[in-house]
N, C-alpha and C. Protein backbone atom coordinates (compact mmCIF):
# COMPACT_ATOMS: atom_id res chain seq x y z
N UNK A 1 0.83 -1.20 -0.01
CA UNK A 1 0.12 0.13 0.01
C UNK A 1 0.91 1.07 -0.21
N UNK A 2 0.51 2.13 -0.48
CA UNK A 2 1.16 3.49 -0.86
C UNK A 2 0.37 4.58 -0.43
N UNK A 3 1.05 5.80 -0.18
CA UNK A 3 0.31 6.54 0.32
C UNK A 3 0.39 7.97 -0.52
N UNK A 4 -0.77 8.39 -0.93
CA UNK A 4 -0.72 9.29 -2.02
C UNK A 4 -1.09 10.79 -1.60
N UNK A 5 -0.69 11.62 -1.85
CA UNK A 5 -0.64 13.24 -1.37
C UNK A 5 -1.65 13.82 -2.05
N UNK A 6 -2.58 14.43 -2.05
CA UNK A 6 -3.79 15.53 -2.80
C UNK A 6 -3.41 16.55 -2.49
N UNK A 7 -3.23 17.73 -3.52
CA UNK A 7 -3.20 19.18 -3.13
C UNK A 7 -4.04 19.69 -4.09
N UNK A 8 -4.26 20.71 -3.59
CA UNK A 8 -5.09 21.78 -4.54
C UNK A 8 -4.37 21.98 -6.08
N UNK A 9 -5.16 22.13 -7.07
CA UNK A 9 -4.44 22.60 -8.28
C UNK A 9 -4.05 24.13 -8.10
N UNK A 10 -3.18 24.08 -9.19
CA UNK A 10 -2.63 25.42 -9.34
C UNK A 10 -3.63 26.66 -9.27
N UNK A 11 -4.66 26.40 -10.43
CA UNK A 11 -5.56 27.53 -10.22
C UNK A 11 -6.23 27.98 -8.64
N UNK A 12 -6.79 26.70 -8.03
CA UNK A 12 -7.22 27.01 -6.83
C UNK A 12 -6.08 27.58 -5.60
N UNK A 13 -5.00 27.23 -5.75
CA UNK A 13 -3.92 27.97 -5.16
C UNK A 13 -3.58 29.38 -5.33
N UNK A 14 -3.72 29.63 -6.75
CA UNK A 14 -3.54 31.03 -7.38
C UNK A 14 -5.04 32.02 -6.33
N UNK A 15 -6.04 31.38 -6.47
CA UNK A 15 -6.99 32.11 -6.17
C UNK A 15 -7.09 32.21 -4.54
N UNK A 16 -6.50 31.20 -3.94
CA UNK A 16 -6.24 31.11 -2.47
C UNK A 16 -5.18 32.08 -1.93
N UNK A 17 -4.27 32.19 -2.91
CA UNK A 17 -3.14 33.20 -2.49
C UNK A 17 -3.54 34.82 -2.72
N UNK A 18 -4.14 34.96 -3.50
CA UNK A 18 -4.74 36.26 -4.11
C UNK A 18 -5.85 36.59 -2.64
N UNK A 19 -6.90 35.87 -2.46
CA UNK A 19 -7.73 35.79 -1.44
C UNK A 19 -6.98 36.06 -0.02
N UNK A 20 -5.84 35.02 0.34
CA UNK A 20 -4.99 35.53 1.61
C UNK A 20 -4.42 36.79 1.57
N UNK A 21 -4.01 37.38 0.12
CA UNK A 21 -3.18 38.42 0.36
C UNK A 21 -4.09 39.58 0.94
N UNK A 22 -5.45 39.69 0.06
CA UNK A 22 -6.45 40.58 0.32
C UNK A 22 -6.67 40.49 2.00
N UNK A 23 -6.81 39.39 2.72
CA UNK A 23 -7.03 39.39 3.98
C UNK A 23 -5.87 39.98 4.67
N UNK A 24 -4.71 39.82 4.36
CA UNK A 24 -3.48 40.19 4.88
C UNK A 24 -3.64 41.69 5.01
N UNK A 25 -4.00 42.05 4.04
CA UNK A 25 -4.32 43.79 3.51
C UNK A 25 -5.14 44.44 4.59
N UNK A 26 -6.40 43.57 4.61
CA UNK A 26 -7.54 44.00 5.64
C UNK A 26 -6.85 43.92 7.12
N UNK A 27 -6.40 42.96 7.57
CA UNK A 27 -5.58 42.73 8.48
C UNK A 27 -4.87 43.88 8.99
N UNK A 28 -3.86 44.32 8.32
CA UNK A 28 -2.94 45.46 8.56
C UNK A 28 -3.75 46.70 8.61
N UNK A 29 -4.87 46.98 8.02
CA UNK A 29 -5.74 48.17 8.10
C UNK A 29 -6.92 47.79 9.53
N UNK A 30 -6.78 46.61 10.03
CA UNK A 30 -7.86 46.67 11.07
C UNK A 30 -6.99 46.54 12.67
N UNK A 31 -5.61 46.23 12.47
CA UNK A 31 -4.59 46.13 13.80
C UNK A 31 -5.09 47.22 14.53
N UNK A 32 -4.85 48.74 14.12
CA UNK A 32 -4.92 49.60 15.02
C UNK A 32 -6.16 49.50 15.79
N UNK A 33 -7.40 49.08 15.27
CA UNK A 33 -8.83 49.35 15.75
C UNK A 33 -9.20 48.21 16.48
N UNK A 34 -8.59 46.96 16.29
CA UNK A 34 -8.93 45.63 17.02
C UNK A 34 -8.09 45.02 17.96
N UNK A 35 -6.68 45.57 18.01
CA UNK A 35 -5.57 45.30 18.74
C UNK A 35 -5.51 43.76 18.57
N UNK A 36 -5.52 42.99 19.63
CA UNK A 36 -4.84 41.68 19.56
C UNK A 36 -5.82 40.70 18.40
N UNK A 37 -6.90 40.89 18.26
CA UNK A 37 -7.60 40.30 17.27
C UNK A 37 -7.19 40.75 15.84
N UNK A 38 -7.03 42.19 15.65
CA UNK A 38 -6.27 42.54 14.52
C UNK A 38 -5.04 41.90 14.13
N UNK A 39 -4.12 41.41 15.21
CA UNK A 39 -3.17 40.91 14.65
C UNK A 39 -3.14 39.28 14.68
N UNK A 40 -4.02 38.59 15.66
CA UNK A 40 -4.43 37.54 15.14
C UNK A 40 -4.88 37.18 13.76
N UNK A 41 -5.82 37.73 13.40
CA UNK A 41 -6.38 37.94 12.04
C UNK A 41 -5.23 38.18 11.02
N UNK A 42 -4.25 38.98 11.06
CA UNK A 42 -3.13 39.17 10.08
C UNK A 42 -2.43 38.09 10.12
N UNK A 43 -1.80 37.19 11.06
CA UNK A 43 -1.30 35.88 11.38
C UNK A 43 -1.91 35.17 10.57
N UNK A 44 -3.16 34.86 11.03
CA UNK A 44 -3.89 33.59 10.03
C UNK A 44 -3.62 33.85 8.85
N UNK A 45 -4.42 35.26 8.04
CA UNK A 45 -4.24 35.44 6.68
C UNK A 45 -2.91 35.21 6.08
N UNK A 46 -1.84 35.80 6.67
CA UNK A 46 -0.29 35.30 6.36
C UNK A 46 -0.36 33.95 5.94
N UNK A 47 -0.53 33.08 7.09
CA UNK A 47 -0.61 31.43 6.93
C UNK A 47 -1.14 31.16 5.60
N UNK A 48 -2.34 31.52 5.55
CA UNK A 48 -3.35 31.02 4.40
C UNK A 48 -2.63 31.44 3.39
N UNK A 49 -2.41 32.79 2.91
CA UNK A 49 -1.74 33.30 1.91
C UNK A 49 -0.36 32.66 1.55
N UNK A 50 0.47 32.38 2.42
CA UNK A 50 1.89 31.51 2.37
C UNK A 50 1.73 30.32 1.94
N UNK A 51 0.68 29.53 2.57
CA UNK A 51 0.37 27.73 2.27
C UNK A 51 -0.06 27.92 0.59
N UNK A 52 -0.82 28.77 0.38
CA UNK A 52 -1.34 28.89 -0.96
C UNK A 52 -0.26 29.17 -2.05
N UNK A 53 0.73 30.18 -1.64
CA UNK A 53 2.02 30.36 -2.67
C UNK A 53 2.80 29.39 -2.60
N UNK A 54 2.92 28.68 -1.30
CA UNK A 54 4.06 27.62 -1.61
C UNK A 54 3.41 26.65 -2.36
N UNK A 55 2.05 26.14 -2.37
CA UNK A 55 1.39 25.17 -3.38
C UNK A 55 1.63 25.78 -4.84
N UNK A 56 1.48 27.28 -5.06
CA UNK A 56 1.40 27.61 -6.36
C UNK A 56 2.65 27.47 -7.23
N UNK A 57 3.86 27.93 -6.36
CA UNK A 57 5.22 28.18 -6.67
C UNK A 57 6.15 27.02 -6.92
N UNK A 58 5.51 25.94 -5.97
CA UNK A 58 6.33 24.52 -5.82
C UNK A 58 5.50 23.55 -6.21
N UNK A 59 6.22 22.25 -6.72
CA UNK A 59 5.72 21.13 -7.19
C UNK A 59 5.47 20.54 -5.86
N UNK A 60 6.16 20.48 -4.65
CA UNK A 60 5.75 19.89 -3.56
C UNK A 60 4.41 20.05 -3.03
N UNK A 61 4.58 21.30 -2.49
CA UNK A 61 2.90 21.74 -1.92
C UNK A 61 2.64 21.06 -0.62
N UNK A 62 1.41 21.70 -0.32
CA UNK A 62 0.85 21.34 1.07
C UNK A 62 -0.21 20.38 0.43
N UNK A 63 -0.19 19.13 0.99
CA UNK A 63 -1.46 18.47 0.90
C UNK A 63 -2.56 18.58 1.64
N UNK A 64 -3.94 18.51 0.77
CA UNK A 64 -4.87 18.88 1.28
C UNK A 64 -5.62 17.66 2.05
N UNK A 65 -5.21 16.22 1.34
CA UNK A 65 -5.68 15.03 1.81
C UNK A 65 -4.37 14.06 1.67
N UNK A 66 -4.33 13.11 2.38
CA UNK A 66 -3.29 11.97 2.40
C UNK A 66 -4.22 10.87 2.32
N UNK A 67 -4.02 9.96 1.14
CA UNK A 67 -5.03 8.64 0.83
C UNK A 67 -3.95 7.35 0.83
N UNK A 68 -4.52 6.27 1.25
CA UNK A 68 -3.55 5.26 1.21
C UNK A 68 -3.94 4.43 -0.32
N UNK A 69 -3.53 3.73 -0.98
CA UNK A 69 -3.81 3.33 -2.51
C UNK A 69 -3.36 1.89 -2.37
N UNK A 70 -4.19 1.19 -2.41
CA UNK A 70 -3.74 -0.25 -3.08
C UNK A 70 -2.86 -0.56 -4.32
N UNK A 71 -1.93 -1.20 -4.71
CA UNK A 71 -1.50 -1.34 -5.97
C UNK A 71 -2.64 -1.92 -6.77
N UNK A 72 -2.92 -1.47 -8.03
CA UNK A 72 -3.87 -2.23 -8.86
C UNK A 72 -2.89 -3.08 -9.89
N UNK A 73 -3.13 -4.22 -9.23
CA UNK A 73 -2.17 -5.29 -10.45
C UNK A 73 -3.65 -5.87 -11.40
N UNK A 74 -4.60 -5.59 -11.11
CA UNK A 74 -5.68 -5.64 -12.29
C UNK A 74 -5.30 -4.89 -13.66
N UNK A 75 -4.78 -3.77 -13.81
CA UNK A 75 -4.49 -2.91 -14.88
C UNK A 75 -3.90 -3.88 -15.61
N UNK A 76 -2.90 -4.52 -15.04
CA UNK A 76 -1.70 -5.16 -16.22
C UNK A 76 -2.51 -6.51 -16.77
N UNK A 77 -3.31 -7.17 -15.98
CA UNK A 77 -4.02 -8.30 -16.21
C UNK A 77 -5.00 -7.93 -17.36
N UNK A 78 -5.39 -6.64 -17.01
CA UNK A 78 -6.72 -6.36 -17.68
C UNK A 78 -6.18 -6.33 -19.30
N UNK A 79 -5.38 -5.51 -19.36
CA UNK A 79 -4.41 -5.14 -20.90
C UNK A 79 -4.28 -6.38 -21.07
N UNK A 80 -3.58 -7.48 -20.42
CA UNK A 80 -2.96 -8.52 -21.45
C UNK A 80 -4.50 -9.53 -21.63
N UNK A 81 -5.61 -9.35 -20.68
CA UNK A 81 -6.86 -10.17 -20.90
C UNK A 81 -7.27 -9.59 -22.06
N UNK A 82 -7.29 -8.20 -22.52
CA UNK A 82 -7.93 -7.69 -23.46
C UNK A 82 -7.21 -8.07 -24.91
N UNK A 83 -5.74 -7.81 -24.84
CA UNK A 83 -5.04 -8.60 -26.39
C UNK A 83 -5.48 -9.85 -26.07
N UNK A 84 -5.58 -10.77 -25.18
CA UNK A 84 -5.66 -12.44 -25.26
C UNK A 84 -6.91 -12.68 -25.94
N UNK A 85 -7.94 -11.92 -25.60
CA UNK A 85 -9.47 -11.88 -26.18
C UNK A 85 -9.48 -11.70 -27.47
N UNK A 86 -8.78 -10.53 -27.99
CA UNK A 86 -8.64 -10.29 -29.53
C UNK A 86 -7.95 -11.44 -30.05
N UNK A 87 -6.75 -11.90 -29.68
CA UNK A 87 -6.00 -12.78 -30.57
C UNK A 87 -6.57 -14.26 -30.47
N UNK A 88 -7.77 -14.36 -29.29
CA UNK A 88 -8.41 -15.72 -29.33
C UNK A 88 -9.60 -15.48 -30.20
N UNK A 89 -10.25 -14.35 -30.36
CA UNK A 89 -11.54 -14.01 -31.48
C UNK A 89 -10.63 -14.17 -32.71
N UNK A 90 -9.61 -13.78 -32.93
CA UNK A 90 -8.72 -13.80 -34.61
C UNK A 90 -8.82 -15.18 -34.79
N UNK A 91 -8.21 -15.93 -33.78
CA UNK A 91 -7.76 -17.37 -33.98
C UNK A 91 -9.37 -18.02 -34.65
N UNK A 92 -10.25 -17.65 -33.84
CA UNK A 92 -11.62 -18.17 -34.19
C UNK A 92 -11.86 -18.35 -35.43
N UNK A 93 -11.87 -16.70 -36.01
CA UNK A 93 -12.11 -16.15 -37.40
C UNK A 93 -11.35 -16.88 -38.51
N UNK A 94 -9.87 -16.86 -38.29
CA UNK A 94 -8.86 -17.62 -38.81
C UNK A 94 -9.01 -19.07 -39.47
N UNK A 95 -9.87 -19.88 -38.09
CA UNK A 95 -10.01 -21.37 -38.20
C UNK A 95 -11.16 -21.78 -38.76
N UNK A 96 -12.16 -20.28 -38.86
CA UNK A 96 -13.31 -20.58 -39.76
C UNK A 96 -14.58 -20.92 -39.02
N UNK A 97 -14.21 -20.71 -37.57
CA UNK A 97 -15.28 -21.35 -36.52
C UNK A 97 -16.18 -20.10 -36.35
N UNK A 98 -15.84 -18.84 -36.58
CA UNK A 98 -17.14 -18.21 -36.69
C UNK A 98 -17.06 -17.17 -37.86
N UNK A 99 -18.14 -16.50 -38.17
CA UNK A 99 -18.08 -15.77 -39.58
C UNK A 99 -17.67 -14.30 -39.18
N UNK A 100 -17.45 -13.74 -40.33
CA UNK A 100 -17.05 -12.30 -40.02
C UNK A 100 -18.00 -11.28 -39.78
N UNK A 101 -19.33 -11.90 -39.83
CA UNK A 101 -20.15 -10.52 -39.02
C UNK A 101 -20.30 -10.88 -37.58
N UNK A 102 -19.95 -12.39 -37.24
CA UNK A 102 -19.89 -12.65 -35.75
C UNK A 102 -18.48 -11.97 -35.27
N UNK A 103 -17.56 -11.88 -35.90
CA UNK A 103 -16.40 -11.32 -35.41
C UNK A 103 -16.37 -10.01 -35.32
N UNK A 104 -16.77 -9.34 -36.39
CA UNK A 104 -17.19 -8.11 -36.25
C UNK A 104 -17.94 -7.44 -34.93
N UNK A 105 -18.96 -8.31 -34.68
CA UNK A 105 -19.93 -7.87 -33.61
C UNK A 105 -19.22 -8.13 -32.32
N UNK A 106 -18.51 -9.41 -32.02
CA UNK A 106 -17.75 -9.71 -30.87
C UNK A 106 -16.70 -8.97 -30.79
N UNK A 107 -15.90 -8.42 -31.68
CA UNK A 107 -14.86 -7.46 -31.66
C UNK A 107 -15.34 -5.95 -30.75
N UNK A 108 -16.51 -5.45 -31.47
CA UNK A 108 -17.10 -4.38 -31.12
C UNK A 108 -17.46 -4.19 -29.50
N UNK A 109 -18.17 -5.56 -29.09
CA UNK A 109 -17.96 -5.82 -28.04
C UNK A 109 -17.19 -5.83 -26.94
N UNK A 110 -15.95 -6.65 -27.40
CA UNK A 110 -14.94 -6.36 -26.36
C UNK A 110 -14.17 -5.02 -26.65
N UNK A 111 -14.13 -4.27 -27.78
CA UNK A 111 -13.59 -2.96 -27.76
C UNK A 111 -14.56 -1.98 -26.65
N UNK A 112 -15.54 -1.91 -26.68
CA UNK A 112 -16.65 -1.45 -26.00
C UNK A 112 -16.30 -1.60 -24.19
N UNK A 113 -16.20 -2.96 -24.13
CA UNK A 113 -16.20 -2.98 -22.82
C UNK A 113 -14.72 -2.58 -22.15
N UNK A 114 -13.73 -2.71 -22.96
CA UNK A 114 -12.53 -2.19 -22.60
C UNK A 114 -12.46 -0.83 -22.48
N UNK A 115 -12.94 0.17 -23.37
CA UNK A 115 -12.71 1.61 -23.18
C UNK A 115 -13.72 1.92 -22.57
């Protein structure tokens, strides 16, 4: 099992960074009127803007979620199964066991189920 980090997209991070910057500006304007609340507001706004800026400007970024993912071994088998089905179907046609119309119908079914 491996852990995958999910972080916001670049556009979400950009909007969050701009929004955080606006709140920082508001915070600097309310510090004289609000005292400790204004300081707290500004520090929190700086943290939000900083986190989003870090996500926007780096590839690492801060994860919103971390999820555990089990390896999918079926993906490899599925591709092999897909190829095996088509080869088997082709052999049936070449051996004359199915008609061209049956081959086309079954091939379309296989292609549809795989995509």
